[in-house]
Amino acid sequence: MNFPLFIIFIFGILQIIIIKVLGLNLNVYLLTLLSGIGIISSGFILSIASETAQKDIPRSFATIFLALVAILPEYAVDIYLAYQGGKDPQYAHYALANMTGANRLLVGAFWPIVVLVFVISKLKQKIYKIELDIHLEKIFLLIATIYGFFITIKSSLTIFDAIILILIFLVYSYLASKQEHIEPEFEGDVQKFIINLSKSRRILTYTLLFIYAGIGILLSAKPFAEGLIEIGKNLGIDEFFLIQWIAPFASESPEFVIVLILALRGYGSWAIGTLISSEVNQLTLLVAAIPIAFSVGYGSISIFPLDNNQVIEMLLTVSLSLFAIVVILNGRFHIIEAILILLFFFITFLLKNYHFEISIFLIVLSFIILIIIRGFYYISNSLIKVIKVLRKE
């Protein structure tokens, strides 16, 4: 990132701090816009901080660290909505909408677009797929997806579910720390400047950037979420739709830009690996955060119930995740497969009243593909490689 753009993002956070400190009473449209800018700016500052911090953390944590930090804005919005859901049931619908939208956007749109961008950048070499060597990520995304089906079947999210999902994430993080990751060199004037500082100054710099971006996220999450809801009501637009798609797109756009840049530079496997790691994070930690925040807002440990519409939304989310996993089980992500996933993503918009039928179709199709490509062989092969990582200890 160059310095002029860096300064713009610094001011993007500063303006929301000024609004809060001065207690400015802005109209909902302007405040929503500015808080959205605050969230996006915070995401980009977080990305710079996380990239430069990688110089001082074990390289094996690189993928998971970058993926986790990049989606922090999404956590902030969803935790706020779930917390409010403990006080007002309507917000519980928004919290689940935000979570399902974030996951489907990541898998259904971001994954395939990155593949398309990578293939376009490699047209001269006639490369039409990304080779993937990400056995750990595939296994744990499959585990998180299967648990997502369990949540769907029982139509509720509990503290027990949160504990299980957090444990899945912790085991995933532990095993990731035992792996070797080959990382590309991140470019950018700001990153190079920070990395070339002395160790103490470098650590102080990216720590301050983390804190600054965190303040921006905390101050922006509430007005952004509330603003989208109010704008939807004022303009007669379904606020559920705004929370499900506009909020996640804004909060995850920095990560999307990062992986697109990686894909354009030819690091397709790294880019997809980061997105898959993000999906593991979101299907574990993000889902786990909902019943925890809900219980805090409610004032005691409580069950986060899912009504019929929420069950269908959750079912569609994990069904799309299952289909995407099956597609990449063989270690390749072909452009045709990417287009197919993207097609299903857009079909869900066109056929809003058929989400249950689409989910069943995706599940059946996933099992058919699993049989055709000998998917259980690839799963067992990935499991063996994960076990080998454990035995290295």
Protein backbone atom coordinates (compact mmCIF):
# COMPACT_ATOMS: atom_id res chain seq x y z
CA MET A 1 0.00 0.00 0.00
CA ASN A 2 1.35 3.44 -0.85
CA PHE A 3 1.45 6.25 1.70
CA PRO A 4 -1.33 8.47 0.20
CA LEU A 5 -3.78 5.54 0.34
CA PHE A 6 -2.60 4.68 3.84
CA ILE A 7 -3.27 8.25 4.99
CA ILE A 8 -6.76 8.13 3.44
CA PHE A 9 -7.57 5.02 5.51
CA ILE A 10 -6.11 6.62 8.64
CA PHE A 11 -8.49 9.55 8.13
CA GLY A 12 -11.28 7.09 7.34
CA ILE A 13 -10.99 5.90 10.94
CA LEU A 14 -10.26 9.33 12.39
CA GLN A 15 -13.52 10.81 11.10
CA ILE A 16 -15.63 8.25 13.00
CA ILE A 17 -13.60 8.95 16.16
CA ILE A 18 -14.23 12.69 15.77
CA ILE A 19 -17.96 12.10 15.25
CA LYS A 20 -18.10 10.05 18.44
CA VAL A 21 -15.96 12.42 20.57
CA LEU A 22 -17.83 15.55 19.47
CA GLY A 23 -21.21 13.81 19.67
CA LEU A 24 -22.22 15.05 16.22
CA ASN A 25 -25.88 14.41 15.37
CA LEU A 26 -25.79 13.37 11.71
CA ASN A 27 -28.66 12.08 9.61
CA VAL A 28 -28.85 8.31 9.31
CA TYR A 29 -27.74 8.18 5.65
CA LEU A 30 -24.55 10.16 6.21
CA LEU A 31 -23.72 8.42 9.48
CA THR A 32 -24.19 4.98 7.90
CA LEU A 33 -21.96 5.96 4.99
CA LEU A 34 -19.23 7.32 7.28
CA SER A 35 -19.38 4.36 9.65
CA GLY A 36 -19.15 2.03 6.63
CA ILE A 37 -16.05 3.94 5.53
CA GLY A 38 -14.75 3.53 9.10
CA ILE A 39 -15.21 -0.26 8.95
CA ILE A 40 -13.57 -0.58 5.51
CA SER A 41 -10.67 1.68 6.55
CA SER A 42 -10.18 -0.31 9.74
CA GLY A 43 -10.03 -3.51 7.72
CA PHE A 44 -7.25 -2.18 5.50
CA ILE A 45 -5.25 -0.85 8.46
CA LEU A 46 -5.66 -4.25 10.13
CA SER A 47 -4.33 -5.92 7.00
CA ILE A 48 -1.18 -3.77 7.08
CA ALA A 49 -0.68 -4.46 10.78
CA SER A 50 -1.15 -8.22 10.31
CA GLU A 51 1.19 -8.37 7.30
CA THR A 52 4.01 -6.58 9.10
CA ALA A 53 3.41 -8.54 12.32
CA GLN A 54 4.16 -11.74 10.41
CA LYS A 55 7.85 -10.82 10.54
CA ASP A 56 7.80 -11.39 14.30
CA ILE A 57 5.46 -14.39 14.59
CA PRO A 58 6.07 -18.02 13.57
CA ARG A 59 5.68 -18.32 9.81
CA SER A 60 3.44 -21.35 10.25
CA PHE A 61 0.73 -19.09 11.73
CA ALA A 62 0.77 -16.79 8.70
CA THR A 63 -2.29 -17.99 6.78
CA ILE A 64 -4.56 -18.41 9.79
CA PHE A 65 -3.34 -15.16 11.37
CA LEU A 66 -4.00 -13.09 8.25
CA ALA A 67 -7.38 -14.75 7.71
CA LEU A 68 -8.47 -14.20 11.32
CA VAL A 69 -7.43 -10.57 11.52
CA ALA A 70 -8.92 -9.70 8.13
CA ILE A 71 -12.46 -10.64 9.20
CA LEU A 72 -12.44 -8.89 12.59
CA PRO A 73 -14.81 -6.16 11.28
CA GLU A 74 -17.34 -8.88 10.44
CA TYR A 75 -17.09 -10.25 13.99
CA ALA A 76 -17.78 -6.81 15.44
CA VAL A 77 -20.99 -6.30 13.44
CA ASP A 78 -22.33 -9.79 14.13
CA ILE A 79 -21.48 -9.72 17.84
CA TYR A 80 -23.29 -6.39 18.20
CA LEU A 81 -26.39 -7.74 16.45
CA ALA A 82 -26.38 -10.97 18.50
CA TYR A 83 -25.93 -8.97 21.73
CA GLN A 84 -28.90 -6.78 20.84
CA GLY A 85 -30.79 -9.95 19.91
CA GLY A 86 -30.66 -10.93 23.56
CA LYS A 87 -32.72 -7.82 24.29
CA ASP A 88 -34.84 -7.59 21.14
CA PRO A 89 -35.76 -10.81 19.25
CA GLN A 90 -35.79 -8.96 15.92
CA TYR A 91 -32.03 -8.44 16.15
CA ALA A 92 -31.54 -12.19 16.50
CA HIS A 93 -32.79 -12.50 12.90
CA TYR A 94 -30.31 -9.85 11.82
CA ALA A 95 -27.41 -11.61 13.58
CA LEU A 96 -28.05 -14.89 11.77
CA ALA A 97 -28.63 -13.07 8.48
CA ASN A 98 -25.27 -11.34 8.84
CA MET A 99 -23.49 -14.61 9.63
CA THR A 100 -25.06 -16.64 6.81
CA GLY A 101 -24.53 -13.80 4.34
CA ALA A 102 -20.87 -13.48 5.31
CA ASN A 103 -20.25 -17.21 4.84
CA ARG A 104 -22.10 -17.49 1.53
CA LEU A 105 -20.41 -14.35 0.19
CA LEU A 106 -17.01 -15.77 1.07
CA VAL A 107 -17.55 -19.21 -0.46
CA GLY A 108 -20.05 -18.43 -3.21
CA ALA A 109 -18.50 -15.22 -4.57
CA PHE A 110 -15.00 -14.56 -3.22
CA TRP A 111 -13.62 -18.07 -3.83
CA PRO A 112 -14.65 -18.31 -7.50
CA ILE A 113 -13.81 -14.69 -8.32
CA VAL A 114 -10.26 -15.22 -7.03
CA VAL A 115 -9.95 -18.29 -9.29
CA LEU A 116 -11.25 -16.30 -12.27
CA VAL A 117 -8.80 -13.45 -11.59
CA PHE A 118 -5.90 -15.90 -11.24
CA VAL A 119 -6.78 -17.70 -14.48
CA ILE A 120 -7.09 -14.39 -16.35
CA SER A 121 -3.63 -13.39 -15.07
CA LYS A 122 -2.27 -16.72 -16.40
CA LEU A 123 -4.02 -16.86 -19.79
CA LYS A 124 -0.74 -16.67 -21.72
CA GLN A 125 0.51 -19.76 -19.89
CA LYS A 126 -2.87 -21.48 -20.51
CA ILE A 127 -3.33 -22.24 -16.81
CA TYR A 128 -7.01 -22.82 -16.01
CA LYS A 129 -6.88 -24.01 -12.41
CA ILE A 130 -5.26 -23.42 -9.04
CA GLU A 131 -3.29 -26.28 -7.51
CA LEU A 132 -4.06 -26.57 -3.80
CA ASP A 133 -2.02 -28.27 -1.08
CA ILE A 134 -4.22 -27.43 1.90
CA HIS A 135 -5.16 -30.73 3.54
CA LEU A 136 -5.59 -29.31 7.05
CA GLU A 137 -7.93 -26.54 5.91
CA LYS A 138 -10.08 -28.93 3.88
CA ILE A 139 -10.49 -31.36 6.78
CA PHE A 140 -11.43 -28.71 9.31
CA LEU A 141 -13.75 -26.89 6.94
CA LEU A 142 -15.48 -30.24 6.40
CA ILE A 143 -15.72 -30.78 10.18
CA ALA A 144 -17.14 -27.27 10.73
CA THR A 145 -19.60 -27.78 7.87
CA ILE A 146 -20.82 -31.11 9.25
CA TYR A 147 -21.32 -29.49 12.66
CA GLY A 148 -23.24 -26.73 10.86
CA PHE A 149 -25.66 -29.40 9.59
CA PHE A 150 -26.05 -30.61 13.18
CA ILE A 151 -26.95 -27.08 14.30
CA THR A 152 -29.46 -26.85 11.46
CA ILE A 153 -31.12 -30.14 12.38
CA LYS A 154 -31.61 -29.18 16.03
CA SER A 155 -32.72 -25.62 15.12
CA SER A 156 -30.77 -23.84 17.84
CA LEU A 157 -27.41 -22.42 18.86
CA THR A 158 -26.28 -22.99 22.43
CA ILE A 159 -23.29 -22.24 24.64
CA PHE A 160 -22.39 -25.92 24.28
CA ASP A 161 -22.24 -25.44 20.49
CA ALA A 162 -20.02 -22.40 21.03
CA ILE A 163 -17.61 -24.44 23.18
CA ILE A 164 -17.42 -27.22 20.57
CA LEU A 165 -16.84 -24.75 17.71
CA ILE A 166 -14.17 -22.88 19.65
CA LEU A 167 -12.42 -26.18 20.42
CA ILE A 168 -12.50 -27.06 16.70
CA PHE A 169 -10.88 -23.73 15.93
CA LEU A 170 -8.23 -24.16 18.65
CA VAL A 171 -7.29 -27.63 17.40
CA TYR A 172 -7.11 -26.24 13.88
CA SER A 173 -4.86 -23.39 15.06
CA TYR A 174 -2.62 -25.82 16.95
CA LEU A 175 -2.18 -28.09 13.94
CA ALA A 176 -1.59 -25.07 11.68
CA SER A 177 1.30 -24.11 13.95
CA LYS A 178 2.94 -27.45 13.11
CA GLN A 179 2.79 -26.91 9.37
CA GLU A 180 5.23 -25.28 7.01
CA HIS A 181 3.77 -22.47 4.93
CA ILE A 182 5.47 -20.90 1.96
CA GLU A 183 4.50 -17.25 1.95
CA PRO A 184 4.80 -14.63 -0.78
CA GLU A 185 6.52 -11.39 -0.03
CA PHE A 186 4.00 -8.63 0.55
CA GLU A 187 4.71 -5.45 -1.35
CA GLY A 188 3.89 -1.87 -0.52
CA ASP A 189 5.69 1.27 0.58
CA VAL A 190 4.04 1.33 4.00
CA GLN A 191 4.71 -2.35 4.71
CA LYS A 192 8.36 -2.05 3.63
CA PHE A 193 8.82 1.04 5.78
CA ILE A 194 7.43 -0.68 8.90
CA ILE A 195 9.31 -3.94 8.31
CA ASN A 196 12.64 -2.07 7.98
CA LEU A 197 12.23 -0.38 11.37
CA SER A 198 14.14 -1.74 14.34
CA LYS A 199 12.33 -4.63 16.03
CA SER A 200 11.11 -2.59 19.01
CA ARG A 201 9.82 0.26 16.81
CA ARG A 202 8.27 -2.18 14.36
CA ILE A 203 6.36 -3.99 17.10
CA LEU A 204 5.23 -0.67 18.59
CA THR A 205 4.08 0.57 15.17
CA TYR A 206 1.93 -2.41 14.19
CA THR A 207 0.61 -2.71 17.74
CA LEU A 208 -0.60 0.89 17.58
CA LEU A 209 -2.14 0.19 14.17
CA PHE A 210 -3.99 -2.82 15.64
CA ILE A 211 -5.32 -0.67 18.49
CA TYR A 212 -6.25 2.22 16.19
CA ALA A 213 -8.10 -0.07 13.76
CA GLY A 214 -9.79 -1.81 16.70
CA ILE A 215 -11.11 1.53 17.95
CA GLY A 216 -12.42 2.27 14.46
CA ILE A 217 -14.24 -1.08 14.32
CA LEU A 218 -15.77 -0.67 17.79
CA LEU A 219 -17.04 2.83 17.02
CA SER A 220 -18.34 1.96 13.55
CA ALA A 221 -20.10 -1.39 14.10
CA LYS A 222 -23.19 -0.09 15.94
CA PRO A 223 -24.03 2.98 13.78
CA PHE A 224 -23.38 0.96 10.61
CA ALA A 225 -25.67 -1.93 11.59
CA GLU A 226 -28.37 0.33 13.03
CA GLY A 227 -28.12 2.63 10.03
CA LEU A 228 -28.69 -0.18 7.54
CA ILE A 229 -31.76 -1.30 9.47
CA GLU A 230 -33.22 2.22 9.62
CA ILE A 231 -32.44 2.98 5.97
CA GLY A 232 -34.17 -0.25 4.95
CA LYS A 233 -37.28 0.72 6.88
CA ASN A 234 -37.25 4.31 5.56
CA LEU A 235 -36.86 3.32 1.90
CA GLY A 236 -39.02 0.21 2.01
CA ILE A 237 -36.00 -2.03 1.37
CA ASP A 238 -35.84 -5.35 3.18
CA GLU A 239 -33.47 -4.60 6.07
CA PHE A 240 -32.82 -8.34 6.38
CA PHE A 241 -31.33 -8.20 2.87
CA LEU A 242 -29.14 -5.17 3.73
CA ILE A 243 -27.81 -6.81 6.88
CA GLN A 244 -27.23 -10.12 5.11
CA TRP A 245 -25.32 -8.76 2.13
CA ILE A 246 -24.29 -5.09 2.39
CA ALA A 247 -22.85 -5.35 5.91
CA PRO A 248 -20.70 -8.45 5.21
CA PHE A 249 -19.50 -7.04 1.89
CA ALA A 250 -18.33 -3.84 3.59
CA SER A 251 -16.67 -5.62 6.50
CA GLU A 252 -14.96 -8.25 4.33
CA SER A 253 -13.97 -6.05 1.39
CA PRO A 254 -10.42 -5.42 2.72
CA GLU A 255 -9.69 -9.15 2.81
CA PHE A 256 -11.19 -9.53 -0.67
CA VAL A 257 -8.89 -6.84 -2.04
CA ILE A 258 -5.86 -8.50 -0.40
CA VAL A 259 -6.55 -11.93 -1.93
CA LEU A 260 -7.34 -10.42 -5.33
CA ILE A 261 -3.92 -8.75 -5.31
CA LEU A 262 -2.33 -12.09 -4.38
CA ALA A 263 -4.18 -13.82 -7.22
CA LEU A 264 -3.09 -11.15 -9.73
CA ARG A 265 0.53 -11.64 -8.63
CA GLY A 266 0.21 -15.36 -9.34
CA TYR A 267 -0.20 -16.55 -5.75
CA GLY A 268 -3.49 -18.33 -6.42
CA SER A 269 -2.98 -21.12 -3.89
CA TRP A 270 -2.06 -18.62 -1.17
CA ALA A 271 -5.13 -16.50 -1.96
CA ILE A 272 -7.56 -19.43 -1.89
CA GLY A 273 -5.83 -20.82 1.20
CA THR A 274 -6.44 -17.55 3.01
CA LEU A 275 -10.13 -17.56 2.03
CA ILE A 276 -10.58 -21.19 3.06
CA SER A 277 -8.94 -20.40 6.40
CA SER A 278 -11.32 -17.46 6.76
CA GLU A 279 -14.27 -19.76 6.12
CA VAL A 280 -13.04 -22.14 8.83
CA ASN A 281 -12.81 -19.13 11.16
CA GLN A 282 -16.30 -17.94 10.29
CA LEU A 283 -17.98 -21.35 10.56
CA THR A 284 -16.38 -21.85 13.98
CA LEU A 285 -15.60 -18.61 15.82
CA LEU A 286 -18.18 -16.39 14.14
CA VAL A 287 -20.97 -18.92 14.68
CA ALA A 288 -19.74 -19.51 18.26
CA ALA A 289 -19.88 -15.78 18.98
CA ILE A 290 -23.63 -15.62 18.32
CA PRO A 291 -24.95 -17.64 21.33
CA ILE A 292 -22.29 -16.10 23.60
CA ALA A 293 -23.16 -12.50 22.67
CA PHE A 294 -26.87 -13.37 22.71
CA SER A 295 -26.59 -14.74 26.26
CA VAL A 296 -24.69 -11.66 27.43
CA GLY A 297 -27.39 -9.41 25.98
CA TYR A 298 -30.11 -11.59 27.50
CA GLY A 299 -28.48 -11.42 30.92
CA SER A 300 -28.05 -15.16 31.44
CA ILE A 301 -27.04 -18.30 29.55
CA SER A 302 -29.69 -18.81 26.93
CA ILE A 303 -30.45 -20.76 23.76
CA PHE A 304 -30.36 -18.88 20.46
CA PRO A 305 -33.44 -20.33 18.67
CA LEU A 306 -33.71 -20.71 14.90
CA ASP A 307 -37.10 -20.35 13.27
CA ASN A 308 -38.01 -22.05 9.99
CA ASN A 309 -36.60 -19.29 7.78
CA GLN A 310 -33.36 -19.18 9.77
CA VAL A 311 -33.04 -22.96 9.58
CA ILE A 312 -33.36 -22.79 5.78
CA GLU A 313 -30.78 -19.96 5.58
CA MET A 314 -28.38 -21.98 7.72
CA LEU A 315 -29.04 -25.10 5.66
CA LEU A 316 -28.29 -23.24 2.42
CA THR A 317 -25.08 -21.85 3.92
CA VAL A 318 -23.64 -25.22 4.99
CA SER A 319 -24.88 -26.90 1.80
CA LEU A 320 -22.95 -24.41 -0.33
CA SER A 321 -19.93 -24.93 1.91
CA LEU A 322 -20.20 -28.71 1.48
CA PHE A 323 -20.41 -28.39 -2.30
CA ALA A 324 -17.36 -26.10 -2.38
CA ILE A 325 -15.34 -28.54 -0.23
CA VAL A 326 -16.22 -31.49 -2.46
CA VAL A 327 -15.16 -29.49 -5.52
CA ILE A 328 -11.65 -28.87 -4.15
CA LEU A 329 -11.11 -32.29 -2.51
CA ASN A 330 -8.89 -33.43 -5.39
CA GLY A 331 -6.47 -30.57 -4.74
CA ARG A 332 -7.43 -28.54 -7.80
CA PHE A 333 -9.79 -25.60 -8.26
CA HIS A 334 -10.66 -25.41 -11.95
CA ILE A 335 -12.23 -22.35 -13.58
CA ILE A 336 -15.29 -24.43 -14.59
CA GLU A 337 -15.83 -25.39 -10.95
CA ALA A 338 -15.44 -21.76 -9.90
CA ILE A 339 -18.06 -20.66 -12.45
CA LEU A 340 -20.41 -23.37 -11.20
CA ILE A 341 -20.13 -22.22 -7.58
CA LEU A 342 -20.64 -18.60 -8.64
CA LEU A 343 -23.69 -19.67 -10.64
CA PHE A 344 -25.27 -21.34 -7.62
CA PHE A 345 -24.53 -18.23 -5.56
CA PHE A 346 -26.47 -16.02 -7.97
CA ILE A 347 -29.28 -18.54 -8.36
CA THR A 348 -30.03 -18.15 -4.63
CA PHE A 349 -30.82 -14.48 -5.32
CA LEU A 350 -33.10 -15.25 -8.24
CA LEU A 351 -34.95 -18.08 -6.50
CA LYS A 352 -35.42 -16.70 -3.00
CA ASN A 353 -38.43 -18.88 -2.35
CA TYR A 354 -36.60 -22.08 -3.23
CA HIS A 355 -33.65 -21.99 -0.84
CA PHE A 356 -34.64 -25.31 0.73
CA GLU A 357 -34.87 -27.03 -2.65
CA ILE A 358 -31.53 -25.52 -3.73
CA SER A 359 -29.95 -26.77 -0.49
CA ILE A 360 -31.18 -30.33 -1.06
CA PHE A 361 -29.96 -30.21 -4.67
CA LEU A 362 -26.50 -29.05 -3.53
CA ILE A 363 -26.31 -31.83 -0.94
CA VAL A 364 -27.32 -34.52 -3.44
CA LEU A 365 -24.95 -33.12 -6.08
CA SER A 366 -22.13 -33.05 -3.53
CA PHE A 367 -22.56 -36.75 -2.75
CA ILE A 368 -22.76 -37.65 -6.44
CA ILE A 369 -19.49 -35.79 -7.11
CA LEU A 370 -18.00 -37.36 -3.98
CA ILE A 371 -18.66 -40.82 -5.42
CA ILE A 372 -17.54 -39.96 -8.96
CA ILE A 373 -14.18 -38.45 -7.95
CA ARG A 374 -13.56 -41.00 -5.18
CA GLY A 375 -13.88 -38.21 -2.68
CA PHE A 376 -13.55 -40.47 0.35
CA TYR A 377 -10.06 -41.40 -0.90
CA TYR A 378 -9.06 -37.73 -0.94
CA ILE A 379 -10.57 -37.20 2.51
CA SER A 380 -8.66 -40.17 3.95
CA ASN A 381 -5.49 -38.98 2.21
CA SER A 382 -5.87 -35.53 3.76
CA LEU A 383 -6.53 -37.10 7.16
CA ILE A 384 -3.33 -39.14 6.88
CA LYS A 385 -1.34 -35.99 6.11
CA VAL A 386 -2.91 -34.19 9.10
CA ILE A 387 -2.03 -37.15 11.35
CA LYS A 388 1.54 -37.00 10.08
CA VAL A 389 1.68 -33.38 11.21
CA LEU A 390 0.70 -34.54 14.70
CA ARG A 391 3.34 -37.28 14.71
CA LYS A 392 6.09 -34.81 13.84
CA GLU A 393 5.74 -33.29 17.29
